[in-house]
C-alpha atoms as a PDB file:
ATOM      1  CA  MET A   1      14.310   6.388  -9.086  1.00  0.00           C
ATOM      2  CA  SER A   2      14.654   5.644  -5.400  1.00  0.00           C
ATOM      3  CA  ALA A   3      13.567   2.380  -3.831  1.00  0.00           C
ATOM      4  CA  GLY A   4      10.958   4.424  -1.845  1.00  0.00           C
ATOM      5  CA  LYS A   5       9.457   5.869  -5.064  1.00  0.00           C
ATOM      6  CA  ALA A   6       9.409   2.425  -6.681  1.00  0.00           C
ATOM      7  CA  ALA A   7       7.687   0.985  -3.679  1.00  0.00           C
ATOM      8  CA  ALA A   8       5.064   3.653  -3.509  1.00  0.00           C
ATOM      9  CA  MET A   9       4.294   3.132  -7.197  1.00  0.00           C
ATOM     10  CA  ALA A  10       4.006  -0.643  -6.695  1.00  0.00           C
ATOM     11  CA  SER A  11       1.704  -0.018  -3.737  1.00  0.00           C
ATOM     12  CA  HIS A  12      -0.517   2.155  -5.766  1.00  0.00           C
ATOM     13  CA  CYS A  13      -0.831  -0.289  -8.549  1.00  0.00           C
ATOM     14  CA  SER A  14      -1.520  -3.363  -6.296  1.00  0.00           C
ATOM     15  CA  ARG A  15      -4.053  -1.396  -4.238  1.00  0.00           C
ATOM     16  CA  LEU A  16      -5.967  -0.362  -7.250  1.00  0.00           C
ATOM     17  CA  SER A  17      -6.002  -3.870  -8.612  1.00  0.00           C
ATOM     18  CA  LEU A  18      -7.173  -5.253  -5.187  1.00  0.00           C
ATOM     19  CA  LEU A  19     -10.006  -2.670  -5.065  1.00  0.00           C
ATOM     20  CA  GLU A  20     -11.127  -3.538  -8.625  1.00  0.00           C
ATOM     21  CA  PHE A  21     -11.176  -7.291  -7.476  1.00  0.00           C
ATOM     22  CA  ILE A  22     -13.232  -6.420  -4.494  1.00  0.00           C
ATOM     23  CA  LYS A  23     -15.639  -4.334  -6.497  1.00  0.00           C
ATOM     24  CA  LYS A  24     -16.233  -7.160  -8.915  1.00  0.00           C
ATOM     25  CA  TYR A  25     -16.223  -9.947  -6.199  1.00  0.00           C
ATOM     26  CA  PRO A  26     -17.374  -8.226  -2.946  1.00  0.00           C
ATOM     27  CA  ASP A  27     -17.996 -11.594  -1.242  1.00  0.00           C
ATOM     28  CA  MET A  28     -14.297 -12.467  -1.535  1.00  0.00           C
ATOM     29  CA  ILE A  29     -13.043  -9.775   0.919  1.00  0.00           C
ATOM     30  CA  ASP A  30     -13.499 -12.133   3.873  1.00  0.00           C
ATOM     31  CA  VAL A  31     -11.169 -14.769   2.123  1.00  0.00           C
ATOM     32  CA  PHE A  32      -8.403 -12.107   2.030  1.00  0.00           C
ATOM     33  CA  LEU A  33      -8.949 -11.032   5.544  1.00  0.00           C
ATOM     34  CA  GLU A  34      -9.066 -14.521   6.926  1.00  0.00           C
ATOM     35  CA  ALA A  35      -5.860 -15.413   5.041  1.00  0.00           C
ATOM     36  CA  GLY A  36      -4.214 -12.465   6.789  1.00  0.00           C
ATOM     37  CA  ALA A  37      -1.698 -11.976   3.987  1.00  0.00           C
ATOM     38  CA  CYS A  38      -3.597 -11.421   0.638  1.00  0.00           C
ATOM     39  CA  GLY A  39      -1.038 -13.645  -1.078  1.00  0.00           C
ATOM     40  CA  SER A  40       2.314 -12.805  -2.491  1.00  0.00           C
ATOM     41  CA  LEU A  41       3.256  -9.568  -4.315  1.00  0.00           C
ATOM     42  CA  VAL A  42       5.988  -9.568  -6.886  1.00  0.00           C
ATOM     43  CA  VAL A  43       7.411  -6.476  -8.532  1.00  0.00           C
ATOM     44  CA  LEU A  44       8.777  -7.161 -12.010  1.00  0.00           C
ATOM     45  CA  LYS A  45      10.645  -4.892 -14.302  1.00  0.00           C
ATOM     46  CA  CYS A  46       9.677  -4.098 -17.830  1.00  0.00           C
ATOM     47  CA  LYS A  47      11.874  -2.956 -20.679  1.00  0.00           C
ATOM     48  CA  ASN A  48       9.662   0.006 -21.752  1.00  0.00           C
ATOM     49  CA  GLU A  49       6.147   1.386 -21.706  1.00  0.00           C
ATOM     50  CA  GLU A  50       5.217  -0.390 -24.956  1.00  0.00           C
ATOM     51  CA  ALA A  51       6.068  -3.776 -23.490  1.00  0.00           C
ATOM     52  CA  LEU A  52       4.100  -2.862 -20.340  1.00  0.00           C
ATOM     53  CA  LEU A  53       0.989  -1.821 -22.256  1.00  0.00           C
ATOM     54  CA  LYS A  54       1.225  -4.935 -24.444  1.00  0.00           C
ATOM     55  CA  LEU A  55       1.242  -7.134 -21.280  1.00  0.00           C
ATOM     56  CA  TYR A  56      -1.737  -5.148 -19.908  1.00  0.00           C
ATOM     57  CA  GLU A  57      -3.742  -5.629 -23.166  1.00  0.00           C
ATOM     58  CA  THR A  58      -2.924  -9.321 -23.171  1.00  0.00           C
ATOM     59  CA  VAL A  59      -4.087 -10.019 -19.554  1.00  0.00           C
ATOM     60  CA  ASN A  60      -6.815  -7.419 -19.170  1.00  0.00           C
ATOM     61  CA  ASP A  61      -9.588  -9.752 -20.198  1.00  0.00           C
ATOM     62  CA  LYS A  62      -8.116 -12.691 -18.330  1.00  0.00           C
ATOM     63  CA  PHE A  63      -7.481 -11.152 -14.879  1.00  0.00           C
ATOM     64  CA  ILE A  64      -8.364  -8.157 -12.870  1.00  0.00           C
ATOM     65  CA  CYS A  65      -5.818  -5.484 -13.731  1.00  0.00           C
ATOM     66  CA  SER A  66      -5.068  -1.849 -13.018  1.00  0.00           C
ATOM     67  CA  LYS A  67      -2.872   0.852 -14.498  1.00  0.00           C
ATOM     68  CA  PHE A  68      -1.388   3.522 -12.285  1.00  0.00           C
ATOM     69  CA  THR A  69      -0.411   6.833 -13.789  1.00  0.00           C
ATOM     70  CA  ASP A  70       1.783   9.025 -11.618  1.00  0.00           C
ATOM     71  CA  SER A  71       1.384  12.680 -12.208  1.00  0.00           C
ATOM     72  CA  GLY A  72       2.281  15.937 -10.544  1.00  0.00           C
ATOM     73  CA  HIS A  73       5.080  14.570  -8.535  1.00  0.00           C
ATOM     74  CA  ILE A  74       8.598  15.777  -9.174  1.00  0.00           C
ATOM     75  CA  HIS A  75      11.126  13.097  -8.320  1.00  0.00           C
ATOM     76  CA  GLY A  76      14.448  12.555 -10.001  1.00  0.00           C
ATOM     77  CA  ALA A  77      15.222  12.898 -13.643  1.00  0.00           C
ATOM     78  CA  ASP A  78      12.400  10.678 -14.784  1.00  0.00           C
ATOM     79  CA  PHE A  79       9.611  12.777 -13.282  1.00  0.00           C
ATOM     80  CA  ASP A  80       8.938  16.360 -14.295  1.00  0.00           C
ATOM     81  CA  GLY A  81       5.341  16.459 -13.207  1.00  0.00           C
ATOM     82  CA  SER A  82       3.904  15.135 -16.468  1.00  0.00           C
ATOM     83  CA  PRO A  83       1.611  12.132 -16.200  1.00  0.00           C
ATOM     84  CA  VAL A  84       3.593   8.885 -16.688  1.00  0.00           C
ATOM     85  CA  LEU A  85       2.444   5.328 -16.765  1.00  0.00           C
ATOM     86  CA  ALA A  86       4.087   4.134 -13.548  1.00  0.00           C
ATOM     87  CA  GLY A  87       3.066   0.433 -13.723  1.00  0.00           C
ATOM     88  CA  ILE A  88       0.281  -2.135 -13.848  1.00  0.00           C
ATOM     89  CA  ALA A  89      -0.925  -4.634 -11.396  1.00  0.00           C
ATOM     90  CA  ILE A  90      -2.356  -8.004 -12.321  1.00  0.00           C
ATOM     91  CA  GLY A  91      -4.541  -9.955  -9.975  1.00  0.00           C
ATOM     92  CA  PRO A  92      -5.190 -11.205  -7.427  1.00  0.00           C
ATOM     93  CA  ALA A  93      -4.664 -14.407  -9.296  1.00  0.00           C
ATOM     94  CA  LEU A  94      -2.945 -17.783  -8.896  1.00  0.00           C
ATOM     95  CA  LYS A  95       0.806 -17.832  -9.676  1.00  0.00           C
ATOM     96  CA  GLU A  96       0.382 -20.656 -12.051  1.00  0.00           C
ATOM     97  CA  ASP A  97      -2.320 -18.890 -13.958  1.00  0.00           C
ATOM     98  CA  MET A  98      -0.089 -15.732 -14.483  1.00  0.00           C
ATOM     99  CA  LYS A  99       3.191 -17.379 -15.130  1.00  0.00           C
ATOM    100  CA  PRO A 100       2.648 -17.810 -18.873  1.00  0.00           C
ATOM    101  CA  PHE A 101       2.255 -14.070 -19.163  1.00  0.00           C
ATOM    102  CA  THR A 102       4.787 -12.862 -16.673  1.00  0.00           C
ATOM    103  CA  LYS A 103       7.667 -15.425 -17.063  1.00  0.00           C
ATOM    104  CA  LYS A 104       9.651 -13.245 -19.508  1.00  0.00           C
ATOM    105  CA  PHE A 105       9.993 -10.462 -16.982  1.00  0.00           C
ATOM    106  CA  GLN A 106      12.589 -10.263 -14.258  1.00  0.00           C
ATOM    107  CA  VAL A 107      12.259  -9.315 -10.583  1.00  0.00           C
ATOM    108  CA  TRP A 108      12.915  -5.638  -9.983  1.00  0.00           C
ATOM    109  CA  ARG A 109      15.879  -4.999  -7.811  1.00  0.00           C
END
């Protein structure tokens, strides 16, 4: 997949997770706006959908999480318009809190 497609998917995931966080903690929006950055974003790669879903199930009760399913878009050999789990987002959360769950994944390049 192209870097642009990957960036779009990661953006969708992170936006959904932030919206879930704001929905649960509406008073925190000012903290993000005052920080001017909303923290760091890291895109990690996963071996397969099974590993991605296992991570989601493991962290879903510990952090705000979102799953993004891409559908209807045809882009390259991996996308024929069928719904596909494109990724998950975890957080906002502190790096040290997430590290035990994400340390086995590598940065996507």
